[in-house]
C-alpha atoms as a PDB file:
ATOM      1  CA  UNK A   1       0.005   1.867 -13.160  1.00  0.00           C
ATOM      2  CA  UNK A   2      -2.712   4.476 -12.896  1.00  0.00           C
ATOM      3  CA  UNK A   3      -2.434   7.487 -10.609  1.00  0.00           C
ATOM      4  CA  UNK A   4      -5.114   9.576  -8.927  1.00  0.00           C
ATOM      5  CA  UNK A   5      -4.729  12.734  -6.910  1.00  0.00           C
ATOM      6  CA  UNK A   6      -7.773  13.503  -4.901  1.00  0.00           C
ATOM      7  CA  UNK A   7      -9.283  16.350  -3.011  1.00  0.00           C
ATOM      8  CA  UNK A   8     -11.008  14.952   0.044  1.00  0.00           C
ATOM      9  CA  UNK A   9     -14.569  15.999   0.684  1.00  0.00           C
ATOM     10  CA  UNK A  10     -16.679  14.503   3.462  1.00  0.00           C
ATOM     11  CA  UNK A  11     -18.902  11.731   2.184  1.00  0.00           C
ATOM     12  CA  UNK A  12     -17.376  11.753  -1.312  1.00  0.00           C
ATOM     13  CA  UNK A  13     -16.130   8.353  -2.457  1.00  0.00           C
ATOM     14  CA  UNK A  14     -16.109   8.776  -6.237  1.00  0.00           C
ATOM     15  CA  UNK A  15     -12.589   7.491  -6.877  1.00  0.00           C
ATOM     16  CA  UNK A  16     -12.709   4.419  -4.659  1.00  0.00           C
ATOM     17  CA  UNK A  17     -14.928   2.246  -6.889  1.00  0.00           C
ATOM     18  CA  UNK A  18     -12.610   3.147  -9.785  1.00  0.00           C
ATOM     19  CA  UNK A  19      -9.631   1.910  -7.786  1.00  0.00           C
ATOM     20  CA  UNK A  20     -11.375  -1.372  -7.057  1.00  0.00           C
ATOM     21  CA  UNK A  21     -12.160  -2.246 -10.697  1.00  0.00           C
ATOM     22  CA  UNK A  22      -9.039  -0.944 -12.446  1.00  0.00           C
ATOM     23  CA  UNK A  23      -7.029  -3.970 -13.682  1.00  0.00           C
ATOM     24  CA  UNK A  24      -3.660  -2.388 -12.856  1.00  0.00           C
ATOM     25  CA  UNK A  25      -1.999  -0.973  -9.761  1.00  0.00           C
ATOM     26  CA  UNK A  26      -3.433   2.393  -8.738  1.00  0.00           C
ATOM     27  CA  UNK A  27      -1.538   5.038  -6.796  1.00  0.00           C
ATOM     28  CA  UNK A  28      -3.816   7.420  -4.888  1.00  0.00           C
ATOM     29  CA  UNK A  29      -2.136  10.533  -3.520  1.00  0.00           C
ATOM     30  CA  UNK A  30      -4.230  12.626  -1.137  1.00  0.00           C
ATOM     31  CA  UNK A  31      -4.062  16.330  -1.902  1.00  0.00           C
ATOM     32  CA  UNK A  32      -2.448  17.003   1.482  1.00  0.00           C
ATOM     33  CA  UNK A  33       0.284  14.351   1.048  1.00  0.00           C
ATOM     34  CA  UNK A  34       3.857  15.438   0.422  1.00  0.00           C
ATOM     35  CA  UNK A  35       4.420  12.651  -2.095  1.00  0.00           C
ATOM     36  CA  UNK A  36       7.719  10.939  -2.771  1.00  0.00           C
ATOM     37  CA  UNK A  37       8.923  12.265  -6.129  1.00  0.00           C
ATOM     38  CA  UNK A  38      11.566  14.992  -6.064  1.00  0.00           C
ATOM     39  CA  UNK A  39      10.156  17.886  -8.103  1.00  0.00           C
ATOM     40  CA  UNK A  40      13.607  19.036  -9.235  1.00  0.00           C
ATOM     41  CA  UNK A  41      15.086  15.702 -10.315  1.00  0.00           C
ATOM     42  CA  UNK A  42      12.096  13.400 -10.744  1.00  0.00           C
ATOM     43  CA  UNK A  43      13.785  10.873  -8.470  1.00  0.00           C
ATOM     44  CA  UNK A  44      11.563   8.517  -6.514  1.00  0.00           C
ATOM     45  CA  UNK A  45      12.312   8.719  -2.812  1.00  0.00           C
ATOM     46  CA  UNK A  46      10.644   5.908  -0.948  1.00  0.00           C
ATOM     47  CA  UNK A  47      12.408   4.875   2.225  1.00  0.00           C
ATOM     48  CA  UNK A  48       9.569   3.448   4.318  1.00  0.00           C
ATOM     49  CA  UNK A  49       6.622   1.381   3.070  1.00  0.00           C
ATOM     50  CA  UNK A  50       3.809   0.152   5.266  1.00  0.00           C
ATOM     51  CA  UNK A  51       2.261  -2.940   3.681  1.00  0.00           C
ATOM     52  CA  UNK A  52      -1.028  -4.176   5.066  1.00  0.00           C
ATOM     53  CA  UNK A  53      -0.898  -7.962   4.774  1.00  0.00           C
ATOM     54  CA  UNK A  54      -3.555 -10.616   5.310  1.00  0.00           C
ATOM     55  CA  UNK A  55      -4.026 -14.187   4.125  1.00  0.00           C
ATOM     56  CA  UNK A  56      -6.418 -12.830   1.472  1.00  0.00           C
ATOM     57  CA  UNK A  57      -5.824 -11.165  -0.827  1.00  0.00           C
ATOM     58  CA  UNK A  58      -2.343 -12.595  -1.433  1.00  0.00           C
ATOM     59  CA  UNK A  59       0.193  -9.775  -0.862  1.00  0.00           C
ATOM     60  CA  UNK A  60       3.128 -11.181  -2.896  1.00  0.00           C
ATOM     61  CA  UNK A  61       2.458  -9.382  -6.195  1.00  0.00           C
ATOM     62  CA  UNK A  62       1.822  -6.104  -4.353  1.00  0.00           C
ATOM     63  CA  UNK A  63       5.133  -6.395  -2.503  1.00  0.00           C
ATOM     64  CA  UNK A  64       6.962  -6.925  -5.805  1.00  0.00           C
ATOM     65  CA  UNK A  65       5.237  -3.842  -7.249  1.00  0.00           C
ATOM     66  CA  UNK A  66       6.360  -1.741  -4.264  1.00  0.00           C
ATOM     67  CA  UNK A  67       9.950  -2.866  -4.759  1.00  0.00           C
ATOM     68  CA  UNK A  68       9.801  -1.892  -8.436  1.00  0.00           C
ATOM     69  CA  UNK A  69       8.411   1.532  -7.549  1.00  0.00           C
ATOM     70  CA  UNK A  70      11.045   2.133  -4.862  1.00  0.00           C
ATOM     71  CA  UNK A  71      13.795   1.326  -7.377  1.00  0.00           C
ATOM     72  CA  UNK A  72      12.277   3.341 -10.239  1.00  0.00           C
ATOM     73  CA  UNK A  73      14.685   5.675 -11.964  1.00  0.00           C
ATOM     74  CA  UNK A  74      17.831   3.850 -10.872  1.00  0.00           C
ATOM     75  CA  UNK A  75      20.525   3.675 -13.505  1.00  0.00           C
ATOM     76  CA  UNK A  76      22.405   0.512 -14.415  1.00  0.00           C
ATOM     77  CA  UNK A  77      24.727  -0.495 -11.608  1.00  0.00           C
ATOM     78  CA  UNK A  78      23.207   1.960  -9.108  1.00  0.00           C
ATOM     79  CA  UNK A  79      22.609   0.588  -5.647  1.00  0.00           C
ATOM     80  CA  UNK A  80      19.005   0.930  -4.504  1.00  0.00           C
ATOM     81  CA  UNK A  81      18.553   3.120  -1.438  1.00  0.00           C
ATOM     82  CA  UNK A  82      17.777   1.387   1.851  1.00  0.00           C
ATOM     83  CA  UNK A  83      14.119   0.454   2.093  1.00  0.00           C
ATOM     84  CA  UNK A  84      12.237  -0.331   5.288  1.00  0.00           C
ATOM     85  CA  UNK A  85       9.204  -2.476   4.560  1.00  0.00           C
ATOM     86  CA  UNK A  86       6.839  -2.967   7.486  1.00  0.00           C
ATOM     87  CA  UNK A  87       4.525  -5.908   6.953  1.00  0.00           C
ATOM     88  CA  UNK A  88       1.536  -5.050   9.135  1.00  0.00           C
ATOM     89  CA  UNK A  89      -1.030  -7.703   9.961  1.00  0.00           C
ATOM     90  CA  UNK A  90      -4.038  -6.558  11.954  1.00  0.00           C
ATOM     91  CA  UNK A  91      -4.856  -9.485  14.191  1.00  0.00           C
ATOM     92  CA  UNK A  92      -2.969 -12.333  15.800  1.00  0.00           C
ATOM     93  CA  UNK A  93       0.634 -12.825  14.640  1.00  0.00           C
ATOM     94  CA  UNK A  94       0.026 -16.531  13.971  1.00  0.00           C
ATOM     95  CA  UNK A  95      -2.655 -15.593  11.414  1.00  0.00           C
ATOM     96  CA  UNK A  96      -0.307 -13.377   9.362  1.00  0.00           C
ATOM     97  CA  UNK A  97       0.572 -14.695   5.902  1.00  0.00           C
ATOM     98  CA  UNK A  98       4.040 -16.104   5.311  1.00  0.00           C
ATOM     99  CA  UNK A  99       6.163 -13.672   3.305  1.00  0.00           C
ATOM    100  CA  UNK A 100       9.647 -14.978   2.511  1.00  0.00           C
ATOM    101  CA  UNK A 101      12.550 -12.584   3.081  1.00  0.00           C
ATOM    102  CA  UNK A 102      13.822 -13.471  -0.400  1.00  0.00           C
ATOM    103  CA  UNK A 103      10.822 -11.664  -1.936  1.00  0.00           C
ATOM    104  CA  UNK A 104      12.282  -8.335  -0.809  1.00  0.00           C
ATOM    105  CA  UNK A 105      16.049  -8.904  -0.790  1.00  0.00           C
ATOM    106  CA  UNK A 106      17.045  -5.228  -0.611  1.00  0.00           C
ATOM    107  CA  UNK A 107      14.548  -4.326   2.108  1.00  0.00           C
ATOM    108  CA  UNK A 108      14.788  -4.393   5.849  1.00  0.00           C
ATOM    109  CA  UNK A 109      11.618  -6.272   6.773  1.00  0.00           C
ATOM    110  CA  UNK A 110       9.758  -5.338   9.909  1.00  0.00           C
ATOM    111  CA  UNK A 111       6.982  -7.768  10.789  1.00  0.00           C
ATOM    112  CA  UNK A 112       4.263  -6.308  12.992  1.00  0.00           C
ATOM    113  CA  UNK A 113       0.967  -7.690  14.262  1.00  0.00           C
ATOM    114  CA  UNK A 114      -1.358  -5.239  15.977  1.00  0.00           C
ATOM    115  CA  UNK A 115      -4.756  -5.841  17.502  1.00  0.00           C
ATOM    116  CA  UNK A 116      -7.772  -4.009  16.186  1.00  0.00           C
ATOM    117  CA  UNK A 117     -11.344  -4.406  15.041  1.00  0.00           C
ATOM    118  CA  UNK A 118     -10.974  -2.166  11.982  1.00  0.00           C
ATOM    119  CA  UNK A 119      -7.895  -2.984   9.877  1.00  0.00           C
ATOM    120  CA  UNK A 120      -8.307   0.216   7.822  1.00  0.00           C
ATOM    121  CA  UNK A 121      -8.175   2.382  10.935  1.00  0.00           C
ATOM    122  CA  UNK A 122      -5.117   0.544  12.289  1.00  0.00           C
ATOM    123  CA  UNK A 123      -3.283   0.761   8.936  1.00  0.00           C
ATOM    124  CA  UNK A 124      -3.933   4.493   8.464  1.00  0.00           C
ATOM    125  CA  UNK A 125      -2.932   5.277  12.068  1.00  0.00           C
ATOM    126  CA  UNK A 126       0.243   3.166  11.856  1.00  0.00           C
ATOM    127  CA  UNK A 127       1.270   4.918   8.619  1.00  0.00           C
ATOM    128  CA  UNK A 128       1.066   8.291  10.390  1.00  0.00           C
ATOM    129  CA  UNK A 129       2.804   6.982  13.495  1.00  0.00           C
ATOM    130  CA  UNK A 130       5.772   5.589  11.549  1.00  0.00           C
ATOM    131  CA  UNK A 131       6.036   8.300   8.866  1.00  0.00           C
ATOM    132  CA  UNK A 132       5.445   5.858   6.008  1.00  0.00           C
ATOM    133  CA  UNK A 133       6.169   7.268   2.534  1.00  0.00           C
ATOM    134  CA  UNK A 134       3.698   4.822   1.008  1.00  0.00           C
ATOM    135  CA  UNK A 135       0.905   2.522   2.138  1.00  0.00           C
ATOM    136  CA  UNK A 136       0.767  -0.675   0.098  1.00  0.00           C
ATOM    137  CA  UNK A 137      -2.320  -2.859  -0.166  1.00  0.00           C
ATOM    138  CA  UNK A 138      -3.250  -5.870  -2.247  1.00  0.00           C
ATOM    139  CA  UNK A 139      -6.866  -5.650  -3.375  1.00  0.00           C
ATOM    140  CA  UNK A 140      -9.312  -8.094  -4.839  1.00  0.00           C
ATOM    141  CA  UNK A 141     -12.411  -6.008  -5.282  1.00  0.00           C
ATOM    142  CA  UNK A 142     -15.555  -6.348  -3.269  1.00  0.00           C
ATOM    143  CA  UNK A 143     -16.580  -9.502  -1.463  1.00  0.00           C
ATOM    144  CA  UNK A 144     -20.202  -9.699  -0.466  1.00  0.00           C
ATOM    145  CA  UNK A 145     -22.830  -7.305   0.763  1.00  0.00           C
ATOM    146  CA  UNK A 146     -20.707  -5.969   3.636  1.00  0.00           C
ATOM    147  CA  UNK A 147     -18.044  -4.655   1.248  1.00  0.00           C
ATOM    148  CA  UNK A 148     -20.707  -3.199  -1.010  1.00  0.00           C
ATOM    149  CA  UNK A 149     -22.306  -1.266   1.852  1.00  0.00           C
ATOM    150  CA  UNK A 150     -19.247  -0.437   3.976  1.00  0.00           C
ATOM    151  CA  UNK A 151     -16.462  -0.599   1.408  1.00  0.00           C
ATOM    152  CA  UNK A 152     -13.559  -3.023   1.329  1.00  0.00           C
ATOM    153  CA  UNK A 153     -10.544  -2.605   3.597  1.00  0.00           C
ATOM    154  CA  UNK A 154      -8.715  -0.888   0.722  1.00  0.00           C
ATOM    155  CA  UNK A 155     -11.570   1.587   0.203  1.00  0.00           C
ATOM    156  CA  UNK A 156     -11.692   2.355   3.918  1.00  0.00           C
ATOM    157  CA  UNK A 157      -7.907   2.924   4.023  1.00  0.00           C
ATOM    158  CA  UNK A 158      -8.270   5.308   1.072  1.00  0.00           C
ATOM    159  CA  UNK A 159     -10.889   7.265   3.019  1.00  0.00           C
ATOM    160  CA  UNK A 160      -8.686   7.603   6.115  1.00  0.00           C
ATOM    161  CA  UNK A 161      -5.088   7.735   4.891  1.00  0.00           C
ATOM    162  CA  UNK A 162      -3.169  10.977   4.651  1.00  0.00           C
ATOM    163  CA  UNK A 163      -0.306   9.199   2.875  1.00  0.00           C
ATOM    164  CA  UNK A 164      -0.056   7.909  -0.713  1.00  0.00           C
ATOM    165  CA  UNK A 165      -1.684   4.488  -1.142  1.00  0.00           C
ATOM    166  CA  UNK A 166      -0.653   1.965  -3.788  1.00  0.00           C
ATOM    167  CA  UNK A 167      -3.499  -0.519  -4.362  1.00  0.00           C
ATOM    168  CA  UNK A 168      -2.354  -3.515  -6.391  1.00  0.00           C
ATOM    169  CA  UNK A 169      -4.762  -6.158  -7.723  1.00  0.00           C
ATOM    170  CA  UNK A 170      -4.315  -9.566  -6.153  1.00  0.00           C
ATOM    171  CA  UNK A 171      -2.631 -11.880  -8.591  1.00  0.00           C
ATOM    172  CA  UNK A 172      -0.390  -9.096  -9.959  1.00  0.00           C
ATOM    173  CA  UNK A 173       2.743 -10.691 -11.411  1.00  0.00           C
ATOM    174  CA  UNK A 174       5.712 -11.158  -9.120  1.00  0.00           C
ATOM    175  CA  UNK A 175       9.288 -10.632 -10.238  1.00  0.00           C
END
C-alpha cells in the first residue's frame, strides 16, 4: 500500500493521477484530517468506514483491503474491535451491487442508497455527516473522455473529502 499526505491548494490535482495509475492500494490523508493511527502506540483505530459501492468497479477486493487495515496490528488471539461498514450506493437501491455479509464477518454492515447526481459529492458529504474514519473506494482508472476532463469519481472524492481515502484498484485480491 502506498500512502500520500497532501496539502490542499485550489486547482491543484497533482496527486490524483498518481493514485489512479498506482498498481496497489493508495491511502490519501488530507493535511487537515485527524487520521486513525495512535501516535503513542501505533495502533490502528478504525471504527467506521464509508465504502462507496457501485456495480463497477467491483468493490469486493477493496472491502477485503479495508478489513485488513482495520485489523492491522492485532496480536494472535486478539479480538478485532467493532467495525461499522456503511456500504453507500449513490442511486436507486435496486442498482446497488450485491455484497455478501460473509465478506465482512466482523463488521456491522449498514447498507445505504442515497439519491444524487454527483456520487463524489454525496460520498464526501456522507463521510462528514457520519464521522467516518476512512472513505473506501474501488478504482479502475479513467474511462473515456469525461473522466479525462472531469476526473473519475475517485479523483473527485479525493478533491472534496476531508477524511482519509483508501483507493484500491479493482481486481485487488480478496481474502
